[in-house]
């Protein structure tokens, strides 16, 4: 379950970072999504920043779950495995996916 939740979070990140014009997705601002991208991008992902974790903490997790099966992550340079691990790295509970 934790893996699914983390994947959902990064799928949403991918959608926003990928060029959507929306200013918010699932209560995450575009700035928050951009803050998390370095943590889910290979070859040298970094630990999530406080800004990234704050964005994830304020996100609508149920909404984020709706993005879990998206195929957009790899096409945007997001590693799904890294995305799945992000909430745990921020010491956050798994979404209800």
PDB file of N, CA and C in Angstrom:
ATOM      1  N   UNK A   1       0.808  -1.198   0.000  1.00  0.00           N
ATOM      2  CA  UNK A   1       0.000   0.000   0.000  1.00  0.00           C
ATOM      3  C   UNK A   1       0.853   1.264   0.000  1.00  0.00           C
ATOM      4  N   UNK A   2       1.905   1.248   0.763  1.00  0.00           N
ATOM      5  CA  UNK A   2       2.775   2.415   0.828  1.00  0.00           C
ATOM      6  C   UNK A   2       3.370   2.690  -0.547  1.00  0.00           C
ATOM      7  N   UNK A   3       3.738   1.644  -1.241  1.00  0.00           N
ATOM      8  CA  UNK A   3       4.321   1.808  -2.569  1.00  0.00           C
ATOM      9  C   UNK A   3       3.322   2.445  -3.519  1.00  0.00           C
ATOM     10  N   UNK A   4       2.085   2.034  -3.443  1.00  0.00           N
ATOM     11  CA  UNK A   4       1.054   2.608  -4.311  1.00  0.00           C
ATOM     12  C   UNK A   4       0.842   4.075  -3.998  1.00  0.00           C
ATOM     13  N   UNK A   5       0.827   4.398  -2.745  1.00  0.00           N
ATOM     14  CA  UNK A   5       0.617   5.780  -2.330  1.00  0.00           C
ATOM     15  C   UNK A   5       1.726   6.675  -2.850  1.00  0.00           C
ATOM     16  N   UNK A   6       2.926   6.207  -2.750  1.00  0.00           N
ATOM     17  CA  UNK A   6       4.063   6.987  -3.191  1.00  0.00           C
ATOM     18  C   UNK A   6       4.052   7.134  -4.703  1.00  0.00           C
ATOM     19  N   UNK A   7       3.633   6.092  -5.383  1.00  0.00           N
ATOM     20  CA  UNK A   7       3.554   6.165  -6.837  1.00  0.00           C
ATOM     21  C   UNK A   7       2.543   7.212  -7.242  1.00  0.00           C
ATOM     22  N   UNK A   8       1.443   7.244  -6.552  1.00  0.00           N
ATOM     23  CA  UNK A   8       0.394   8.204  -6.860  1.00  0.00           C
ATOM     24  C   UNK A   8       0.907   9.621  -6.693  1.00  0.00           C
ATOM     25  N   UNK A   9       1.617   9.863  -5.630  1.00  0.00           N
ATOM     26  CA  UNK A   9       2.155  11.195  -5.387  1.00  0.00           C
ATOM     27  C   UNK A   9       3.033  11.633  -6.546  1.00  0.00           C
ATOM     28  N   UNK A  10       3.880  10.778  -7.009  1.00  0.00           N
ATOM     29  CA  UNK A  10       4.785  11.164  -8.077  1.00  0.00           C
ATOM     30  C   UNK A  10       4.136  11.179  -9.431  1.00  0.00           C
ATOM     31  N   UNK A  11       3.086  10.408  -9.594  1.00  0.00           N
ATOM     32  CA  UNK A  11       2.343  10.494 -10.843  1.00  0.00           C
ATOM     33  C   UNK A  11       1.748  11.881 -10.980  1.00  0.00           C
ATOM     34  N   UNK A  12       1.246  12.377  -9.892  1.00  0.00           N
ATOM     35  CA  UNK A  12       0.701  13.731  -9.906  1.00  0.00           C
ATOM     36  C   UNK A  12       1.818  14.720 -10.197  1.00  0.00           C
ATOM     37  N   UNK A  13       2.961  14.508  -9.624  1.00  0.00           N
ATOM     38  CA  UNK A  13       4.104  15.372  -9.883  1.00  0.00           C
ATOM     39  C   UNK A  13       4.450  15.359 -11.357  1.00  0.00           C
ATOM     40  N   UNK A  14       4.438  14.220 -11.939  1.00  0.00           N
ATOM     41  CA  UNK A  14       4.767  14.083 -13.346  1.00  0.00           C
ATOM     42  C   UNK A  14       3.774  14.851 -14.203  1.00  0.00           C
ATOM     43  N   UNK A  15       2.527  14.727 -13.879  1.00  0.00           N
ATOM     44  CA  UNK A  15       1.496  15.395 -14.666  1.00  0.00           C
ATOM     45  C   UNK A  15       1.712  16.899 -14.646  1.00  0.00           C
ATOM     46  N   UNK A  16       1.963  17.446 -13.489  1.00  0.00           N
ATOM     47  CA  UNK A  16       2.142  18.888 -13.379  1.00  0.00           C
ATOM     48  C   UNK A  16       3.454  19.322 -14.014  1.00  0.00           C
ATOM     49  N   UNK A  17       4.505  18.620 -13.699  1.00  0.00           N
ATOM     50  CA  UNK A  17       5.816  18.976 -14.225  1.00  0.00           C
ATOM     51  C   UNK A  17       5.860  18.758 -15.735  1.00  0.00           C
ATOM     52  N   UNK A  18       5.085  17.818 -16.207  1.00  0.00           N
ATOM     53  CA  UNK A  18       5.069  17.481 -17.609  1.00  0.00           C
ATOM     54  C   UNK A  18       4.473  18.528 -18.515  1.00  0.00           C
ATOM     55  N   UNK A  19       3.942  19.577 -17.981  1.00  0.00           N
ATOM     56  CA  UNK A  19       3.473  20.648 -18.839  1.00  0.00           C
ATOM     57  C   UNK A  19       2.015  21.016 -18.698  1.00  0.00           C
ATOM     58  N   UNK A  20       1.309  20.425 -17.781  1.00  0.00           N
ATOM     59  CA  UNK A  20      -0.066  20.836 -17.592  1.00  0.00           C
ATOM     60  C   UNK A  20      -0.089  22.271 -17.090  1.00  0.00           C
ATOM     61  N   UNK A  21      -1.111  22.976 -17.473  1.00  0.00           N
ATOM     62  CA  UNK A  21      -1.210  24.386 -17.119  1.00  0.00           C
ATOM     63  C   UNK A  21      -1.842  24.605 -15.750  1.00  0.00           C
ATOM     64  N   UNK A  22      -2.329  23.570 -15.113  1.00  0.00           N
ATOM     65  CA  UNK A  22      -2.992  23.711 -13.822  1.00  0.00           C
ATOM     66  C   UNK A  22      -2.010  24.232 -12.773  1.00  0.00           C
ATOM     67  N   UNK A  23      -2.496  25.108 -11.933  1.00  0.00           N
ATOM     68  CA  UNK A  23      -1.664  25.646 -10.863  1.00  0.00           C
ATOM     69  C   UNK A  23      -1.650  24.706  -9.663  1.00  0.00           C
ATOM     70  N   UNK A  24      -2.673  23.875  -9.515  1.00  0.00           N
ATOM     71  CA  UNK A  24      -2.751  22.934  -8.409  1.00  0.00           C
ATOM     72  C   UNK A  24      -3.290  21.610  -8.910  1.00  0.00           C
ATOM     73  N   UNK A  25      -2.795  20.544  -8.318  1.00  0.00           N
ATOM     74  CA  UNK A  25      -3.346  19.216  -8.553  1.00  0.00           C
ATOM     75  C   UNK A  25      -3.427  18.537  -7.199  1.00  0.00           C
ATOM     76  N   UNK A  26      -4.608  18.100  -6.860  1.00  0.00           N
ATOM     77  CA  UNK A  26      -4.812  17.382  -5.600  1.00  0.00           C
ATOM     78  C   UNK A  26      -4.269  18.174  -4.416  1.00  0.00           C
ATOM     79  N   UNK A  27      -4.483  19.458  -4.434  1.00  0.00           N
ATOM     80  CA  UNK A  27      -4.050  20.377  -3.375  1.00  0.00           C
ATOM     81  C   UNK A  27      -2.529  20.533  -3.273  1.00  0.00           C
ATOM     82  N   UNK A  28      -1.815  20.149  -4.317  1.00  0.00           N
ATOM     83  CA  UNK A  28      -0.370  20.394  -4.382  1.00  0.00           C
ATOM     84  C   UNK A  28      -0.140  21.495  -5.408  1.00  0.00           C
ATOM     85  N   UNK A  29       0.581  22.518  -5.009  1.00  0.00           N
ATOM     86  CA  UNK A  29       0.874  23.600  -5.941  1.00  0.00           C
ATOM     87  C   UNK A  29       1.942  23.144  -6.929  1.00  0.00           C
ATOM     88  N   UNK A  30       2.054  23.854  -8.006  1.00  0.00           N
ATOM     89  CA  UNK A  30       3.083  23.543  -8.994  1.00  0.00           C
ATOM     90  C   UNK A  30       4.469  23.665  -8.360  1.00  0.00           C
ATOM     91  N   UNK A  31       4.653  24.641  -7.492  1.00  0.00           N
ATOM     92  CA  UNK A  31       5.945  24.795  -6.802  1.00  0.00           C
ATOM     93  C   UNK A  31       6.274  23.561  -5.960  1.00  0.00           C
ATOM     94  N   UNK A  32       5.264  23.030  -5.289  1.00  0.00           N
ATOM     95  CA  UNK A  32       5.469  21.826  -4.482  1.00  0.00           C
ATOM     96  C   UNK A  32       5.847  20.630  -5.337  1.00  0.00           C
ATOM     97  N   UNK A  33       5.188  20.503  -6.470  1.00  0.00           N
ATOM     98  CA  UNK A  33       5.486  19.404  -7.374  1.00  0.00           C
ATOM     99  C   UNK A  33       6.901  19.518  -7.932  1.00  0.00           C
ATOM    100  N   UNK A  34       7.278  20.721  -8.292  1.00  0.00           N
ATOM    101  CA  UNK A  34       8.624  20.953  -8.816  1.00  0.00           C
ATOM    102  C   UNK A  34       9.672  20.668  -7.732  1.00  0.00           C
ATOM    103  N   UNK A  35       9.351  20.992  -6.487  1.00  0.00           N
ATOM    104  CA  UNK A  35      10.284  20.758  -5.381  1.00  0.00           C
ATOM    105  C   UNK A  35      10.578  19.269  -5.198  1.00  0.00           C
ATOM    106  N   UNK A  36       9.642  18.420  -5.570  1.00  0.00           N
ATOM    107  CA  UNK A  36       9.829  16.981  -5.384  1.00  0.00           C
ATOM    108  C   UNK A  36      10.526  16.292  -6.556  1.00  0.00           C
ATOM    109  N   UNK A  37      10.558  16.911  -7.702  1.00  0.00           N
ATOM    110  CA  UNK A  37      11.100  16.242  -8.895  1.00  0.00           C
ATOM    111  C   UNK A  37      12.538  15.746  -8.710  1.00  0.00           C
ATOM    112  N   UNK A  38      13.451  16.492  -8.096  1.00  0.00           N
ATOM    113  CA  UNK A  38      14.823  15.975  -7.946  1.00  0.00           C
ATOM    114  C   UNK A  38      14.910  14.689  -7.118  1.00  0.00           C
ATOM    115  N   UNK A  39      13.896  14.421  -6.317  1.00  0.00           N
ATOM    116  CA  UNK A  39      13.895  13.221  -5.481  1.00  0.00           C
ATOM    117  C   UNK A  39      13.410  11.984  -6.216  1.00  0.00           C
ATOM    118  N   UNK A  40      12.862  12.163  -7.403  1.00  0.00           N
ATOM    119  CA  UNK A  40      12.303  11.038  -8.145  1.00  0.00           C
ATOM    120  C   UNK A  40      12.892  10.917  -9.540  1.00  0.00           C
ATOM    121  N   UNK A  41      14.018  11.576  -9.758  1.00  0.00           N
ATOM    122  CA  UNK A  41      14.655  11.585 -11.073  1.00  0.00           C
ATOM    123  C   UNK A  41      16.035  10.938 -10.987  1.00  0.00           C
ATOM    124  N   UNK A  42      16.287   9.984 -11.855  1.00  0.00           N
ATOM    125  CA  UNK A  42      17.606   9.354 -11.943  1.00  0.00           C
ATOM    126  C   UNK A  42      18.500  10.174 -12.850  1.00  0.00           C
ATOM    127  N   UNK A  43      19.785  10.069 -12.796  1.00  0.00           N
ATOM    128  CA  UNK A  43      20.539   9.017 -12.145  1.00  0.00           C
ATOM    129  C   UNK A  43      20.941   9.335 -10.704  1.00  0.00           C
ATOM    130  N   UNK A  44      20.756  10.527 -10.254  1.00  0.00           N
ATOM    131  CA  UNK A  44      21.201  10.902  -8.910  1.00  0.00           C
ATOM    132  C   UNK A  44      20.085  11.545  -8.095  1.00  0.00           C
ATOM    133  N   UNK A  45      19.091  10.758  -7.688  1.00  0.00           N
ATOM    134  CA  UNK A  45      18.006  11.351  -6.895  1.00  0.00           C
ATOM    135  C   UNK A  45      18.529  11.831  -5.545  1.00  0.00           C
ATOM    136  N   UNK A  46      17.921  12.887  -5.057  1.00  0.00           N
ATOM    137  CA  UNK A  46      18.309  13.454  -3.767  1.00  0.00           C
ATOM    138  C   UNK A  46      17.202  13.197  -2.752  1.00  0.00           C
ATOM    139  N   UNK A  47      17.542  13.348  -1.479  1.00  0.00           N
ATOM    140  CA  UNK A  47      16.519  13.227  -0.443  1.00  0.00           C
ATOM    141  C   UNK A  47      15.513  14.356  -0.625  1.00  0.00           C
ATOM    142  N   UNK A  48      14.239  14.097  -0.299  1.00  0.00           N
ATOM    143  CA  UNK A  48      13.240  15.150  -0.456  1.00  0.00           C
ATOM    144  C   UNK A  48      13.540  16.338   0.457  1.00  0.00           C
ATOM    145  N   UNK A  49      13.291  17.505  -0.077  1.00  0.00           N
ATOM    146  CA  UNK A  49      13.493  18.735   0.690  1.00  0.00           C
ATOM    147  C   UNK A  49      12.308  18.949   1.632  1.00  0.00           C
ATOM    148  N   UNK A  50      12.474  19.817   2.607  1.00  0.00           N
ATOM    149  CA  UNK A  50      11.330  20.159   3.461  1.00  0.00           C
ATOM    150  C   UNK A  50      10.155  20.699   2.635  1.00  0.00           C
ATOM    151  N   UNK A  51      10.449  21.437   1.570  1.00  0.00           N
ATOM    152  CA  UNK A  51       9.389  21.971   0.718  1.00  0.00           C
ATOM    153  C   UNK A  51       8.621  20.849   0.031  1.00  0.00           C
ATOM    154  N   UNK A  52       9.336  19.841  -0.431  1.00  0.00           N
ATOM    155  CA  UNK A  52       8.706  18.687  -1.066  1.00  0.00           C
ATOM    156  C   UNK A  52       7.821  17.954  -0.056  1.00  0.00           C
ATOM    157  N   UNK A  53       8.359  17.662   1.100  1.00  0.00           N
ATOM    158  CA  UNK A  53       7.591  16.947   2.119  1.00  0.00           C
ATOM    159  C   UNK A  53       6.372  17.748   2.570  1.00  0.00           C
ATOM    160  N   UNK A  54       6.524  19.045   2.648  1.00  0.00           N
ATOM    161  CA  UNK A  54       5.384  19.893   3.024  1.00  0.00           C
ATOM    162  C   UNK A  54       4.299  19.804   1.951  1.00  0.00           C
ATOM    163  N   UNK A  55       4.705  19.793   0.699  1.00  0.00           N
ATOM    164  CA  UNK A  55       3.743  19.692  -0.398  1.00  0.00           C
ATOM    165  C   UNK A  55       3.006  18.359  -0.352  1.00  0.00           C
ATOM    166  N   UNK A  56       3.736  17.302  -0.089  1.00  0.00           N
ATOM    167  CA  UNK A  56       3.111  15.983  -0.016  1.00  0.00           C
ATOM    168  C   UNK A  56       2.195  15.889   1.200  1.00  0.00           C
ATOM    169  N   UNK A  57       2.631  16.458   2.313  1.00  0.00           N
ATOM    170  CA  UNK A  57       1.825  16.416   3.534  1.00  0.00           C
ATOM    171  C   UNK A  57       0.495  17.134   3.367  1.00  0.00           C
ATOM    172  N   UNK A  58       0.481  18.165   2.537  1.00  0.00           N
ATOM    173  CA  UNK A  58      -0.749  18.923   2.334  1.00  0.00           C
ATOM    174  C   UNK A  58      -1.602  18.442   1.177  1.00  0.00           C
ATOM    175  N   UNK A  59      -1.161  17.380   0.524  1.00  0.00           N
ATOM    176  CA  UNK A  59      -1.870  16.882  -0.654  1.00  0.00           C
ATOM    177  C   UNK A  59      -3.105  16.070  -0.272  1.00  0.00           C
ATOM    178  N   UNK A  60      -4.047  16.053  -1.180  1.00  0.00           N
ATOM    179  CA  UNK A  60      -5.238  15.219  -1.052  1.00  0.00           C
ATOM    180  C   UNK A  60      -4.842  13.825  -1.526  1.00  0.00           C
ATOM    181  N   UNK A  61      -4.549  12.950  -0.595  1.00  0.00           N
ATOM    182  CA  UNK A  61      -4.031  11.629  -0.946  1.00  0.00           C
ATOM    183  C   UNK A  61      -5.036  10.798  -1.735  1.00  0.00           C
ATOM    184  N   UNK A  62      -6.312  10.922  -1.418  1.00  0.00           N
ATOM    185  CA  UNK A  62      -7.318  10.168  -2.169  1.00  0.00           C
ATOM    186  C   UNK A  62      -7.299  10.600  -3.636  1.00  0.00           C
ATOM    187  N   UNK A  63      -7.163  11.887  -3.867  1.00  0.00           N
ATOM    188  CA  UNK A  63      -7.066  12.416  -5.221  1.00  0.00           C
ATOM    189  C   UNK A  63      -5.798  11.904  -5.892  1.00  0.00           C
ATOM    190  N   UNK A  64      -4.711  11.919  -5.175  1.00  0.00           N
ATOM    191  CA  UNK A  64      -3.446  11.465  -5.731  1.00  0.00           C
ATOM    192  C   UNK A  64      -3.509   9.995  -6.145  1.00  0.00           C
ATOM    193  N   UNK A  65      -4.275   9.214  -5.413  1.00  0.00           N
ATOM    194  CA  UNK A  65      -4.409   7.795  -5.749  1.00  0.00           C
ATOM    195  C   UNK A  65      -4.991   7.599  -7.149  1.00  0.00           C
ATOM    196  N   UNK A  66      -5.751   8.556  -7.612  1.00  0.00           N
ATOM    197  CA  UNK A  66      -6.358   8.422  -8.934  1.00  0.00           C
ATOM    198  C   UNK A  66      -5.317   8.439 -10.054  1.00  0.00           C
ATOM    199  N   UNK A  67      -4.099   8.832  -9.756  1.00  0.00           N
ATOM    200  CA  UNK A  67      -3.027   8.883 -10.746  1.00  0.00           C
ATOM    201  C   UNK A  67      -2.100   7.663 -10.694  1.00  0.00           C
ATOM    202  N   UNK A  68      -2.386   6.700  -9.846  1.00  0.00           N
ATOM    203  CA  UNK A  68      -1.450   5.604  -9.604  1.00  0.00           C
ATOM    204  C   UNK A  68      -1.150   4.732 -10.811  1.00  0.00           C
ATOM    205  N   UNK A  69      -2.070   4.621 -11.739  1.00  0.00           N
ATOM    206  CA  UNK A  69      -1.848   3.758 -12.895  1.00  0.00           C
ATOM    207  C   UNK A  69      -1.447   4.521 -14.153  1.00  0.00           C
ATOM    208  N   UNK A  70      -1.097   5.760 -13.999  1.00  0.00           N
ATOM    209  CA  UNK A  70      -0.705   6.576 -15.137  1.00  0.00           C
ATOM    210  C   UNK A  70       0.615   6.075 -15.729  1.00  0.00           C
ATOM    211  N   UNK A  71       0.739   6.185 -17.032  1.00  0.00           N
ATOM    212  CA  UNK A  71       1.984   5.790 -17.694  1.00  0.00           C
ATOM    213  C   UNK A  71       2.876   6.995 -17.972  1.00  0.00           C
ATOM    214  N   UNK A  72       2.524   8.118 -17.387  1.00  0.00           N
ATOM    215  CA  UNK A  72       3.238   9.353 -17.668  1.00  0.00           C
ATOM    216  C   UNK A  72       4.579   9.479 -16.952  1.00  0.00           C
ATOM    217  N   UNK A  73       4.722   8.849 -15.803  1.00  0.00           N
ATOM    218  CA  UNK A  73       5.949   9.031 -15.019  1.00  0.00           C
ATOM    219  C   UNK A  73       7.220   8.759 -15.803  1.00  0.00           C
ATOM    220  N   UNK A  74       7.396   7.568 -16.345  1.00  0.00           N
ATOM    221  CA  UNK A  74       8.639   7.313 -17.072  1.00  0.00           C
ATOM    222  C   UNK A  74       8.839   8.255 -18.256  1.00  0.00           C
ATOM    223  N   UNK A  75       7.766   8.629 -18.915  1.00  0.00           N
ATOM    224  CA  UNK A  75       7.906   9.516 -20.068  1.00  0.00           C
ATOM    225  C   UNK A  75       8.358  10.909 -19.664  1.00  0.00           C
ATOM    226  N   UNK A  76       8.211  11.249 -18.398  1.00  0.00           N
ATOM    227  CA  UNK A  76       8.631  12.556 -17.904  1.00  0.00           C
ATOM    228  C   UNK A  76       9.937  12.490 -17.118  1.00  0.00           C
ATOM    229  N   UNK A  77      10.580  11.342 -17.149  1.00  0.00           N
ATOM    230  CA  UNK A  77      11.849  11.205 -16.452  1.00  0.00           C
ATOM    231  C   UNK A  77      11.703  10.879 -14.983  1.00  0.00           C
ATOM    232  N   UNK A  78      10.522  10.502 -14.558  1.00  0.00           N
ATOM    233  CA  UNK A  78      10.277  10.159 -13.156  1.00  0.00           C
ATOM    234  C   UNK A  78      10.403   8.652 -12.993  1.00  0.00           C
ATOM    235  N   UNK A  79      11.187   8.234 -12.035  1.00  0.00           N
ATOM    236  CA  UNK A  79      11.346   6.824 -11.730  1.00  0.00           C
ATOM    237  C   UNK A  79      10.216   6.416 -10.784  1.00  0.00           C
ATOM    238  N   UNK A  80       9.330   5.519 -11.211  1.00  0.00           N
ATOM    239  CA  UNK A  80       8.200   5.115 -10.370  1.00  0.00           C
ATOM    240  C   UNK A  80       8.616   4.518  -9.034  1.00  0.00           C
ATOM    241  N   UNK A  81       9.732   3.809  -9.002  1.00  0.00           N
ATOM    242  CA  UNK A  81      10.202   3.227  -7.743  1.00  0.00           C
ATOM    243  C   UNK A  81      10.592   4.323  -6.761  1.00  0.00           C
ATOM    244  N   UNK A  82      11.268   5.338  -7.259  1.00  0.00           N
ATOM    245  CA  UNK A  82      11.619   6.469  -6.395  1.00  0.00           C
ATOM    246  C   UNK A  82      10.367   7.206  -5.949  1.00  0.00           C
ATOM    247  N   UNK A  83       9.418   7.329  -6.849  1.00  0.00           N
ATOM    248  CA  UNK A  83       8.165   8.012  -6.524  1.00  0.00           C
ATOM    249  C   UNK A  83       7.420   7.283  -5.421  1.00  0.00           C
ATOM    250  N   UNK A  84       7.415   5.976  -5.498  1.00  0.00           N
ATOM    251  CA  UNK A  84       6.729   5.161  -4.500  1.00  0.00           C
ATOM    252  C   UNK A  84       7.355   5.344  -3.122  1.00  0.00           C
ATOM    253  N   UNK A  85       8.628   5.594  -3.073  1.00  0.00           N
ATOM    254  CA  UNK A  85       9.333   5.707  -1.799  1.00  0.00           C
ATOM    255  C   UNK A  85       9.236   7.091  -1.166  1.00  0.00           C
ATOM    256  N   UNK A  86       8.748   8.066  -1.864  1.00  0.00           N
ATOM    257  CA  UNK A  86       8.792   9.438  -1.365  1.00  0.00           C
ATOM    258  C   UNK A  86       8.008   9.693  -0.080  1.00  0.00           C
ATOM    259  N   UNK A  87       6.737   9.312   0.039  1.00  0.00           N
ATOM    260  CA  UNK A  87       6.044   9.586   1.306  1.00  0.00           C
ATOM    261  C   UNK A  87       6.771   9.008   2.512  1.00  0.00           C
ATOM    262  N   UNK A  88       7.282   7.803   2.397  1.00  0.00           N
ATOM    263  CA  UNK A  88       8.012   7.200   3.517  1.00  0.00           C
ATOM    264  C   UNK A  88       9.247   8.013   3.862  1.00  0.00           C
ATOM    265  N   UNK A  89       9.930   8.544   2.845  1.00  0.00           N
ATOM    266  CA  UNK A  89      11.114   9.359   3.087  1.00  0.00           C
ATOM    267  C   UNK A  89      10.759  10.664   3.797  1.00  0.00           C
ATOM    268  N   UNK A  90       9.502  11.046   3.674  1.00  0.00           N
ATOM    269  CA  UNK A  90       9.020  12.257   4.355  1.00  0.00           C
ATOM    270  C   UNK A  90       8.333  11.917   5.666  1.00  0.00           C
ATOM    271  N   UNK A  91       8.410  10.657   6.083  1.00  0.00           N
ATOM    272  CA  UNK A  91       7.759  10.174   7.312  1.00  0.00           C
ATOM    273  C   UNK A  91       6.265  10.448   7.314  1.00  0.00           C
ATOM    274  N   UNK A  92       5.636  10.187   6.172  1.00  0.00           N
ATOM    275  CA  UNK A  92       4.203  10.406   6.024  1.00  0.00           C
ATOM    276  C   UNK A  92       3.476   9.082   5.855  1.00  0.00           C
ATOM    277  N   UNK A  93       2.208   9.044   6.276  1.00  0.00           N
ATOM    278  CA  UNK A  93       1.443   7.805   6.117  1.00  0.00           C
ATOM    279  C   UNK A  93       1.088   7.565   4.650  1.00  0.00           C
ATOM    280  N   UNK A  94       0.847   6.333   4.358  1.00  0.00           N
ATOM    281  CA  UNK A  94       0.479   5.941   3.007  1.00  0.00           C
ATOM    282  C   UNK A  94      -0.933   6.436   2.673  1.00  0.00           C
ATOM    283  N   UNK A  95      -1.151   6.808   1.421  1.00  0.00           N
ATOM    284  CA  UNK A  95      -2.493   7.195   0.996  1.00  0.00           C
ATOM    285  C   UNK A  95      -3.443   6.005   0.999  1.00  0.00           C
ATOM    286  N   UNK A  96      -4.730   6.253   1.015  1.00  0.00           N
ATOM    287  CA  UNK A  96      -5.720   5.166   1.037  1.00  0.00           C
ATOM    288  C   UNK A  96      -5.990   4.572  -0.335  1.00  0.00           C
ATOM    289  N   UNK A  97      -4.959   4.151  -1.028  1.00  0.00           N
ATOM    290  CA  UNK A  97      -5.137   3.598  -2.371  1.00  0.00           C
ATOM    291  C   UNK A  97      -5.391   2.107  -2.335  1.00  0.00           C
TER     292      UNK A  97
END
